[in-house]
């Protein structure tokens, strides 16, 4: 196995590990992150959203529309999670749905469009003669 492939899998595993750690043990993970001022998490959110945008931009510019569709579909978890976070941490349901819920719908719609546009062609049956 190539070193680049191994490192790629480690990056994926680290992302899952850190993401799940925050969801399952937020206080413990936050302490280990090193930010003591809660405002520092605005930077974390901003960097996360920029990283997603850059990933999508790279795939779009490279013409990798099918890969972009899968990435957009996977990353639809971001506005869905944001919506749930607002609803379960003091925000109004109306605001959560209007802002984050509508964003999730648009992201999912975009993913469907990209994946349908680039779906492999189905072979057509040739009528028997």
C-alpha atoms as a PDB file:
ATOM      1  CA  UNK A   1       0.000   0.000   0.000  1.00  0.00           C
ATOM      2  CA  UNK A   2       1.299   3.459  -0.835  1.00  0.00           C
ATOM      3  CA  UNK A   3       2.302   5.857   1.922  1.00  0.00           C
ATOM      4  CA  UNK A   4      -0.023   8.516   0.469  1.00  0.00           C
ATOM      5  CA  UNK A   5      -2.971   6.113   0.723  1.00  0.00           C
ATOM      6  CA  UNK A   6      -2.122   5.253   4.319  1.00  0.00           C
ATOM      7  CA  UNK A   7      -1.807   8.936   5.195  1.00  0.00           C
ATOM      8  CA  UNK A   8      -5.102   9.643   3.417  1.00  0.00           C
ATOM      9  CA  UNK A   9      -6.855   7.049   5.556  1.00  0.00           C
ATOM     10  CA  UNK A  10      -5.255   8.545   8.682  1.00  0.00           C
ATOM     11  CA  UNK A  11      -6.639  11.972   7.764  1.00  0.00           C
ATOM     12  CA  UNK A  12     -10.106  10.446   7.345  1.00  0.00           C
ATOM     13  CA  UNK A  13      -9.831   8.563  10.640  1.00  0.00           C
ATOM     14  CA  UNK A  14      -8.647  11.681  12.478  1.00  0.00           C
ATOM     15  CA  UNK A  15     -11.602  13.657  11.143  1.00  0.00           C
ATOM     16  CA  UNK A  16     -14.043  11.016  12.340  1.00  0.00           C
ATOM     17  CA  UNK A  17     -12.267  10.712  15.689  1.00  0.00           C
ATOM     18  CA  UNK A  18     -12.246  14.449  16.426  1.00  0.00           C
ATOM     19  CA  UNK A  19     -15.778  14.988  15.141  1.00  0.00           C
ATOM     20  CA  UNK A  20     -17.230  12.133  17.158  1.00  0.00           C
ATOM     21  CA  UNK A  21     -15.210  13.161  20.219  1.00  0.00           C
ATOM     22  CA  UNK A  22     -16.856  16.586  20.196  1.00  0.00           C
ATOM     23  CA  UNK A  23     -20.309  15.095  19.724  1.00  0.00           C
ATOM     24  CA  UNK A  24     -19.909  12.423  22.398  1.00  0.00           C
ATOM     25  CA  UNK A  25     -17.694  14.265  24.932  1.00  0.00           C
ATOM     26  CA  UNK A  26     -17.833  17.948  24.070  1.00  0.00           C
ATOM     27  CA  UNK A  27     -16.461  19.281  27.355  1.00  0.00           C
ATOM     28  CA  UNK A  28     -13.533  16.883  27.381  1.00  0.00           C
ATOM     29  CA  UNK A  29     -12.729  17.580  23.739  1.00  0.00           C
ATOM     30  CA  UNK A  30     -13.047  21.332  24.197  1.00  0.00           C
ATOM     31  CA  UNK A  31     -10.569  21.223  27.071  1.00  0.00           C
ATOM     32  CA  UNK A  32      -8.142  19.304  24.902  1.00  0.00           C
ATOM     33  CA  UNK A  33      -8.532  21.777  22.027  1.00  0.00           C
ATOM     34  CA  UNK A  34      -6.736  24.523  23.913  1.00  0.00           C
ATOM     35  CA  UNK A  35      -9.214  27.400  23.559  1.00  0.00           C
ATOM     36  CA  UNK A  36     -10.378  28.799  26.876  1.00  0.00           C
ATOM     37  CA  UNK A  37     -12.355  31.732  25.442  1.00  0.00           C
ATOM     38  CA  UNK A  38     -15.645  30.484  23.938  1.00  0.00           C
ATOM     39  CA  UNK A  39     -15.366  33.153  21.221  1.00  0.00           C
ATOM     40  CA  UNK A  40     -12.471  31.129  19.838  1.00  0.00           C
ATOM     41  CA  UNK A  41     -14.976  28.646  18.495  1.00  0.00           C
ATOM     42  CA  UNK A  42     -16.120  31.282  15.981  1.00  0.00           C
ATOM     43  CA  UNK A  43     -12.706  30.875  14.385  1.00  0.00           C
ATOM     44  CA  UNK A  44     -13.141  27.094  14.371  1.00  0.00           C
ATOM     45  CA  UNK A  45     -16.530  27.422  12.639  1.00  0.00           C
ATOM     46  CA  UNK A  46     -15.140  29.883  10.120  1.00  0.00           C
ATOM     47  CA  UNK A  47     -12.180  27.662   9.268  1.00  0.00           C
ATOM     48  CA  UNK A  48     -14.472  24.629   8.926  1.00  0.00           C
ATOM     49  CA  UNK A  49     -16.737  26.449   6.491  1.00  0.00           C
ATOM     50  CA  UNK A  50     -13.784  27.790   4.487  1.00  0.00           C
ATOM     51  CA  UNK A  51     -12.285  24.294   4.239  1.00  0.00           C
ATOM     52  CA  UNK A  52     -15.588  22.947   2.908  1.00  0.00           C
ATOM     53  CA  UNK A  53     -15.849  25.783   0.374  1.00  0.00           C
ATOM     54  CA  UNK A  54     -12.280  25.244  -0.825  1.00  0.00           C
ATOM     55  CA  UNK A  55     -12.849  21.501  -1.210  1.00  0.00           C
ATOM     56  CA  UNK A  56     -15.933  22.155  -3.323  1.00  0.00           C
ATOM     57  CA  UNK A  57     -14.143  24.862  -5.333  1.00  0.00           C
ATOM     58  CA  UNK A  58     -11.210  22.580  -6.149  1.00  0.00           C
ATOM     59  CA  UNK A  59     -13.528  19.813  -7.379  1.00  0.00           C
ATOM     60  CA  UNK A  60     -15.605  22.289  -9.373  1.00  0.00           C
ATOM     61  CA  UNK A  61     -12.579  23.874 -11.047  1.00  0.00           C
ATOM     62  CA  UNK A  62     -11.116  20.457 -11.849  1.00  0.00           C
ATOM     63  CA  UNK A  63     -14.387  19.412 -13.487  1.00  0.00           C
ATOM     64  CA  UNK A  64     -14.895  16.570 -11.009  1.00  0.00           C
ATOM     65  CA  UNK A  65     -18.646  17.077 -10.880  1.00  0.00           C
ATOM     66  CA  UNK A  66     -19.549  13.559  -9.718  1.00  0.00           C
ATOM     67  CA  UNK A  67     -17.000  13.696  -6.892  1.00  0.00           C
ATOM     68  CA  UNK A  68     -18.318  17.172  -6.072  1.00  0.00           C
ATOM     69  CA  UNK A  69     -21.840  15.753  -5.867  1.00  0.00           C
ATOM     70  CA  UNK A  70     -20.743  13.120  -3.360  1.00  0.00           C
ATOM     71  CA  UNK A  71     -18.787  15.669  -1.302  1.00  0.00           C
ATOM     72  CA  UNK A  72     -21.733  18.081  -1.265  1.00  0.00           C
ATOM     73  CA  UNK A  73     -24.030  15.228  -0.219  1.00  0.00           C
ATOM     74  CA  UNK A  74     -21.666  14.193   2.589  1.00  0.00           C
ATOM     75  CA  UNK A  75     -21.207  17.765   3.723  1.00  0.00           C
ATOM     76  CA  UNK A  76     -24.951  18.344   3.931  1.00  0.00           C
ATOM     77  CA  UNK A  77     -24.470  17.105   7.477  1.00  0.00           C
ATOM     78  CA  UNK A  78     -23.020  20.547   8.285  1.00  0.00           C
ATOM     79  CA  UNK A  79     -26.240  22.600   7.955  1.00  0.00           C
ATOM     80  CA  UNK A  80     -28.285  19.690   9.331  1.00  0.00           C
ATOM     81  CA  UNK A  81     -26.039  19.576  12.407  1.00  0.00           C
ATOM     82  CA  UNK A  82     -26.111  23.373  12.693  1.00  0.00           C
ATOM     83  CA  UNK A  83     -29.923  23.278  12.601  1.00  0.00           C
ATOM     84  CA  UNK A  84     -30.065  20.656  15.341  1.00  0.00           C
ATOM     85  CA  UNK A  85     -27.493  22.547  17.417  1.00  0.00           C
ATOM     86  CA  UNK A  86     -29.531  25.757  17.285  1.00  0.00           C
ATOM     87  CA  UNK A  87     -32.755  23.940  18.182  1.00  0.00           C
ATOM     88  CA  UNK A  88     -31.201  22.061  21.106  1.00  0.00           C
ATOM     89  CA  UNK A  89     -29.068  24.852  22.552  1.00  0.00           C
ATOM     90  CA  UNK A  90     -31.380  27.785  23.141  1.00  0.00           C
ATOM     91  CA  UNK A  91     -32.211  28.963  19.625  1.00  0.00           C
ATOM     92  CA  UNK A  92     -35.689  29.095  18.192  1.00  0.00           C
ATOM     93  CA  UNK A  93     -36.968  26.298  16.012  1.00  0.00           C
ATOM     94  CA  UNK A  94     -38.247  28.841  13.476  1.00  0.00           C
ATOM     95  CA  UNK A  95     -34.832  30.465  13.122  1.00  0.00           C
ATOM     96  CA  UNK A  96     -33.058  27.104  12.962  1.00  0.00           C
ATOM     97  CA  UNK A  97     -35.332  25.891  10.185  1.00  0.00           C
ATOM     98  CA  UNK A  98     -35.373  29.182   8.270  1.00  0.00           C
ATOM     99  CA  UNK A  99     -31.598  29.586   8.232  1.00  0.00           C
ATOM    100  CA  UNK A 100     -29.995  26.182   8.646  1.00  0.00           C
ATOM    101  CA  UNK A 101     -32.871  23.977   7.531  1.00  0.00           C
ATOM    102  CA  UNK A 102     -33.250  25.908   4.275  1.00  0.00           C
ATOM    103  CA  UNK A 103     -29.479  25.722   3.742  1.00  0.00           C
ATOM    104  CA  UNK A 104     -29.617  21.953   4.239  1.00  0.00           C
ATOM    105  CA  UNK A 105     -32.405  21.644   1.670  1.00  0.00           C
ATOM    106  CA  UNK A 106     -30.423  23.705  -0.858  1.00  0.00           C
ATOM    107  CA  UNK A 107     -27.250  21.686  -0.264  1.00  0.00           C
ATOM    108  CA  UNK A 108     -29.122  18.388  -0.642  1.00  0.00           C
ATOM    109  CA  UNK A 109     -30.866  19.664  -3.779  1.00  0.00           C
ATOM    110  CA  UNK A 110     -27.505  20.672  -5.247  1.00  0.00           C
ATOM    111  CA  UNK A 111     -26.043  17.248  -4.462  1.00  0.00           C
ATOM    112  CA  UNK A 112     -28.962  15.519  -6.174  1.00  0.00           C
ATOM    113  CA  UNK A 113     -28.579  17.733  -9.257  1.00  0.00           C
ATOM    114  CA  UNK A 114     -24.848  17.043  -9.477  1.00  0.00           C
ATOM    115  CA  UNK A 115     -25.233  13.302  -8.988  1.00  0.00           C
ATOM    116  CA  UNK A 116     -28.103  12.983 -11.467  1.00  0.00           C
ATOM    117  CA  UNK A 117     -26.194  15.056 -14.021  1.00  0.00           C
ATOM    118  CA  UNK A 118     -23.191  12.780 -13.840  1.00  0.00           C
ATOM    119  CA  UNK A 119     -24.903   9.438 -13.258  1.00  0.00           C
ATOM    120  CA  UNK A 120     -23.424   6.647 -15.341  1.00  0.00           C
ATOM    121  CA  UNK A 121     -25.530   5.927 -18.404  1.00  0.00           C
ATOM    122  CA  UNK A 122     -27.669   2.842 -18.182  1.00  0.00           C
ATOM    123  CA  UNK A 123     -27.250   0.453 -21.061  1.00  0.00           C
ATOM    124  CA  UNK A 124     -30.336   0.334 -23.260  1.00  0.00           C
ATOM    125  CA  UNK A 125     -31.745  -3.064 -24.120  1.00  0.00           C
ATOM    126  CA  UNK A 126     -31.451  -3.903 -27.768  1.00  0.00           C
ATOM    127  CA  UNK A 127     -34.729  -5.301 -29.059  1.00  0.00           C
ATOM    128  CA  UNK A 128     -34.494  -8.895 -30.250  1.00  0.00           C
ATOM    129  CA  UNK A 129     -35.015  -9.371 -33.968  1.00  0.00           C
END
